[in-house]
Amino acid sequence: MKKVLTFLRQLERNNNREWFMAHKEEYVAAQARWNAFSEELIERIGEFDPTVRGLTAKDCTYRIYRDVRFSKDKSPYKNHMGVYVCRGGKKSGFSGYYFQICASKGEQEFDGHCMAAGDYMCLPSVLQVLREDIENETDDFRHHLDLAATAGFHLYDTWKLKRVPRGFNPDSPCADLLKYKVYGLMTSVDDEFVLAPDLARRVADSFRTTHPFLNFVNRAIEYVQEEMRNVK
């Protein structure tokens, strides 16, 4: 993974088309290494989550090119590589396991090396179902969080509400859990973690602790998707 990280750091310092085209072979080599890692990660996650078996790197990885249409930052290339392993692939709408390596560490947790599991931006209908499930199965949900915490994961709370959403009891024992707008777990890792041997195995071992949480989230997504199909 050292060569991938080296390329990303060089790209961050030279984020322009001229440099990128002059170093296209290095990018192709870095991308091939990342895809090989992604294939191994998918296989290892499939050992405990059968819903992702059979996926390929193409189903779970992203282009290096940035969409700059609505961004003040017009840098044409990303400074990171990520893989999102989820049921049906990255465009399915289901939650999954995300791993990213990044050229540098920014102010936000996602601006650096990180692992995440869950839903980044739930539909309002999914949020409603999730909160109802959390209210009805609080002990189970807390148990899922505690298990994931053994690998360093925590709920992403950047957009957490100040009050319990309308329709839910503000005095509920799970009131603190109902305020989240994003039901996703994440943890940051460092260069030492990324560059040590057996990265795919170690990342998969960490993600294993998030599997029950992910099932909880995907159950709500599946319910909403089924409701939408029935309406049609």
Protein backbone atom coordinates (compact mmCIF):
# COMPACT_ATOMS: atom_id res chain seq x y z
CA MET A 1 0.00 0.00 0.00
CA LYS A 2 3.03 2.26 0.31
CA LYS A 3 3.15 2.89 -3.46
CA VAL A 4 -0.54 3.88 -3.50
CA LEU A 5 -0.06 6.32 -0.65
CA THR A 6 3.09 7.76 -2.24
CA PHE A 7 1.22 8.39 -5.49
CA LEU A 8 -1.69 10.08 -3.69
CA ARG A 9 0.69 12.41 -1.85
CA GLN A 10 2.47 13.33 -5.05
CA LEU A 11 -0.90 13.96 -6.70
CA GLU A 12 -2.02 16.19 -3.84
CA ARG A 13 1.06 18.38 -4.38
CA ASN A 14 0.54 18.41 -8.16
CA ASN A 15 -3.22 18.37 -8.58
CA ASN A 16 -3.45 19.34 -12.24
CA ARG A 17 -4.08 17.58 -15.51
CA GLU A 18 -0.61 18.15 -16.93
CA TRP A 19 1.13 16.39 -14.04
CA PHE A 20 -1.46 13.62 -13.92
CA MET A 21 -1.12 12.81 -17.62
CA ALA A 22 2.67 12.79 -17.33
CA HIS A 23 2.38 10.28 -14.48
CA LYS A 24 -0.52 8.23 -15.85
CA GLU A 25 1.43 4.96 -15.63
CA GLU A 26 2.00 5.53 -11.92
CA TYR A 27 -1.71 6.12 -11.46
CA VAL A 28 -2.60 2.95 -13.36
CA ALA A 29 -0.21 0.96 -11.16
CA ALA A 30 -1.62 2.51 -7.97
CA GLN A 31 -5.18 1.87 -9.12
CA ALA A 32 -4.35 -1.78 -9.92
CA ARG A 33 -2.88 -2.22 -6.44
CA TRP A 34 -5.95 -0.64 -4.85
CA ASN A 35 -8.30 -2.83 -6.89
CA ALA A 36 -6.40 -5.95 -5.87
CA PHE A 37 -6.65 -4.90 -2.22
CA SER A 38 -10.37 -4.21 -2.67
CA GLU A 39 -10.99 -7.65 -4.15
CA GLU A 40 -9.28 -9.27 -1.17
CA LEU A 41 -11.24 -7.10 1.27
CA ILE A 42 -14.53 -8.05 -0.40
CA GLU A 43 -13.63 -11.73 -0.13
CA ARG A 44 -12.71 -11.44 3.54
CA ILE A 45 -15.86 -9.48 4.44
CA GLY A 46 -17.88 -12.10 2.57
CA GLU A 47 -16.68 -14.67 5.12
CA PHE A 48 -18.98 -13.12 7.75
CA ASP A 49 -21.41 -11.14 5.55
CA PRO A 50 -22.76 -13.33 2.72
CA THR A 51 -24.68 -10.42 1.16
CA VAL A 52 -21.48 -9.04 -0.41
CA ARG A 53 -20.15 -12.26 -1.89
CA GLY A 54 -19.54 -12.11 -5.62
CA LEU A 55 -18.95 -8.35 -5.75
CA THR A 56 -15.97 -7.05 -7.71
CA ALA A 57 -13.70 -4.04 -7.24
CA LYS A 58 -15.65 -2.27 -9.98
CA ASP A 59 -18.84 -2.64 -7.92
CA CYS A 60 -17.24 -1.02 -4.88
CA THR A 61 -14.56 1.50 -5.92
CA TYR A 62 -14.67 5.05 -7.27
CA ARG A 63 -13.11 7.17 -9.99
CA ILE A 64 -10.16 9.40 -9.09
CA TYR A 65 -11.77 12.33 -10.94
CA ARG A 66 -13.62 14.90 -8.84
CA ASP A 67 -16.99 16.39 -9.74
CA VAL A 68 -16.14 20.10 -9.51
CA ARG A 69 -19.39 21.51 -10.93
CA PHE A 70 -20.73 22.70 -7.57
CA SER A 71 -17.47 22.98 -5.63
CA LYS A 72 -15.32 26.01 -4.88
CA ASP A 73 -12.32 23.68 -4.98
CA LYS A 74 -11.64 23.07 -8.67
CA SER A 75 -8.85 20.53 -8.13
CA PRO A 76 -9.56 17.88 -10.78
CA TYR A 77 -8.48 14.81 -8.79
CA LYS A 78 -9.26 13.27 -5.42
CA ASN A 79 -6.46 12.92 -2.87
CA HIS A 80 -7.82 9.61 -1.59
CA MET A 81 -8.93 6.15 -2.68
CA GLY A 82 -11.93 4.42 -1.15
CA VAL A 83 -13.78 1.13 -1.35
CA TYR A 84 -17.44 0.74 -0.30
CA VAL A 85 -18.45 -2.89 0.17
CA CYS A 86 -22.20 -3.26 0.42
CA ARG A 87 -25.02 -5.54 -0.64
CA GLY A 88 -25.72 -5.02 -4.34
CA GLY A 89 -22.74 -2.70 -4.84
CA LYS A 90 -22.15 1.00 -4.22
CA LYS A 91 -25.28 2.16 -6.10
CA SER A 92 -27.74 -0.23 -4.44
CA GLY A 93 -28.90 2.12 -1.70
CA PHE A 94 -27.88 -0.30 1.04
CA SER A 95 -25.41 0.54 3.77
CA GLY A 96 -21.98 -1.02 3.79
CA TYR A 97 -18.37 -1.00 4.89
CA TYR A 98 -16.16 1.87 3.71
CA PHE A 99 -12.38 2.02 3.89
CA GLN A 100 -10.29 4.95 2.69
CA ILE A 101 -6.66 5.95 2.52
CA CYS A 102 -5.86 9.62 2.05
CA ALA A 103 -2.83 11.72 1.15
CA SER A 104 -3.18 13.88 4.26
CA LYS A 105 -5.26 14.41 7.37
CA GLY A 106 -7.83 17.21 7.25
CA GLU A 107 -10.07 18.81 9.84
CA GLN A 108 -12.92 16.30 9.47
CA GLU A 109 -12.67 12.62 10.38
CA PHE A 110 -13.45 11.66 6.80
CA ASP A 111 -10.47 13.73 5.60
CA GLY A 112 -7.87 11.08 6.27
CA HIS A 113 -7.38 7.33 6.62
CA CYS A 114 -10.62 5.94 8.00
CA MET A 115 -13.06 3.06 8.26
CA ALA A 116 -16.82 3.54 8.35
CA ALA A 117 -19.92 1.37 8.43
CA GLY A 118 -23.57 2.29 8.07
CA ASP A 119 -25.54 4.91 6.22
CA TYR A 120 -23.96 8.29 5.48
CA MET A 121 -27.11 10.19 4.44
CA CYS A 122 -30.30 8.27 5.20
CA LEU A 123 -33.54 9.09 3.45
CA PRO A 124 -36.02 10.76 5.84
CA SER A 125 -38.23 7.67 5.57
CA VAL A 126 -35.32 5.43 6.56
CA LEU A 127 -34.43 7.72 9.47
CA GLN A 128 -37.99 7.43 10.74
CA VAL A 129 -37.96 3.63 10.64
CA LEU A 130 -34.49 3.47 12.18
CA ARG A 131 -35.49 5.67 15.09
CA GLU A 132 -38.62 3.60 15.66
CA ASP A 133 -36.51 0.44 15.66
CA ILE A 134 -34.00 1.99 18.07
CA GLU A 135 -36.83 3.01 20.39
CA ASN A 136 -38.29 -0.51 20.32
CA GLU A 137 -34.97 -2.37 20.50
CA THR A 138 -32.75 -0.03 22.47
CA ASP A 139 -30.80 -2.72 24.32
CA ASP A 140 -29.97 -4.58 21.10
CA PHE A 141 -28.86 -1.37 19.38
CA ARG A 142 -26.63 -0.36 22.28
CA HIS A 143 -25.13 -3.85 22.26
CA HIS A 144 -24.28 -3.43 18.56
CA LEU A 145 -22.59 -0.10 19.35
CA ASP A 146 -20.64 -1.61 22.23
CA LEU A 147 -19.40 -4.44 20.03
CA ALA A 148 -18.21 -2.03 17.33
CA ALA A 149 -16.55 0.13 19.98
CA THR A 150 -14.15 -2.73 20.72
CA ALA A 151 -12.58 -1.93 17.33
CA GLY A 152 -12.63 1.81 17.94
CA PHE A 153 -15.84 2.68 16.08
CA HIS A 154 -18.24 5.40 17.23
CA LEU A 155 -21.39 7.00 15.84
CA TYR A 156 -20.64 9.90 13.51
CA ASP A 157 -22.21 12.91 15.25
CA THR A 158 -21.34 15.93 13.08
CA TRP A 159 -24.99 16.66 12.24
CA LYS A 160 -26.53 15.50 15.50
CA LEU A 161 -29.78 17.25 16.47
CA LYS A 162 -30.05 19.32 19.64
CA ARG A 163 -33.52 17.96 20.43
CA VAL A 164 -35.29 14.63 20.07
CA PRO A 165 -37.20 14.59 16.76
CA ARG A 166 -40.90 15.36 16.78
CA GLY A 167 -43.03 12.29 17.46
CA PHE A 168 -40.54 10.68 19.85
CA ASN A 169 -40.48 10.86 23.64
CA PRO A 170 -37.79 13.33 24.79
CA ASP A 171 -37.61 11.46 28.10
CA SER A 172 -37.04 8.09 26.46
CA PRO A 173 -34.08 6.03 27.74
CA CYS A 174 -32.76 6.13 24.17
CA ALA A 175 -33.31 9.86 23.63
CA ASP A 176 -29.60 10.41 23.04
CA LEU A 177 -29.62 7.87 20.20
CA LEU A 178 -32.67 9.37 18.50
CA LYS A 179 -30.92 12.70 17.86
CA TYR A 180 -28.55 11.35 15.21
CA LYS A 181 -29.10 12.33 11.58
CA VAL A 182 -26.45 9.90 10.35
CA TYR A 183 -26.48 6.32 11.59
CA GLY A 184 -22.94 5.49 10.60
CA LEU A 185 -19.97 4.25 12.58
CA MET A 186 -16.46 5.40 11.91
CA THR A 187 -12.92 5.34 13.20
CA SER A 188 -9.69 6.93 12.04
CA VAL A 189 -6.47 5.00 11.47
CA ASP A 190 -2.90 6.13 10.93
CA ASP A 191 -0.05 5.46 8.52
CA GLU A 192 1.26 2.68 10.73
CA PHE A 193 -2.04 0.83 10.42
CA VAL A 194 -2.26 1.35 6.66
CA LEU A 195 1.31 0.33 5.90
CA ALA A 196 1.54 -2.75 8.13
CA PRO A 197 1.23 -6.24 6.55
CA ASP A 198 -2.11 -8.02 5.99
CA LEU A 199 -4.11 -4.81 5.65
CA ALA A 200 -7.19 -6.45 4.11
CA ARG A 201 -7.36 -9.03 6.90
CA ARG A 202 -7.02 -6.40 9.63
CA VAL A 203 -9.62 -4.09 8.05
CA ALA A 204 -12.05 -7.00 7.66
CA ASP A 205 -11.49 -8.05 11.28
CA SER A 206 -12.41 -4.54 12.37
CA PHE A 207 -15.49 -4.49 10.15
CA ARG A 208 -16.63 -7.82 11.60
CA THR A 209 -17.49 -5.96 14.82
CA THR A 210 -19.83 -3.64 12.88
CA HIS A 211 -21.78 -6.39 11.10
CA PRO A 212 -24.71 -6.57 13.59
CA PHE A 213 -25.03 -2.76 13.51
CA LEU A 214 -25.03 -2.79 9.72
CA ASN A 215 -27.73 -5.45 9.63
CA PHE A 216 -29.84 -3.26 11.91
CA VAL A 217 -29.50 -0.29 9.55
CA ASN A 218 -30.04 -2.32 6.38
CA ARG A 219 -33.19 -3.85 7.81
CA ALA A 220 -34.74 -0.36 7.88
CA ILE A 221 -33.49 0.41 4.36
CA GLU A 222 -34.88 -2.88 3.04
CA TYR A 223 -38.26 -2.16 4.67
CA VAL A 224 -38.46 1.30 3.07
CA GLN A 225 -37.37 0.00 -0.34
CA GLU A 226 -40.04 -2.69 -0.17
CA GLU A 227 -42.68 -0.11 0.78
CA MET A 228 -41.66 2.04 -2.19
CA ARG A 229 -41.92 -0.93 -4.56
CA ASN A 230 -45.40 -1.71 -3.24
CA VAL A 231 -46.54 1.87 -3.87
CA LYS A 232 -45.42 1.62 -7.50
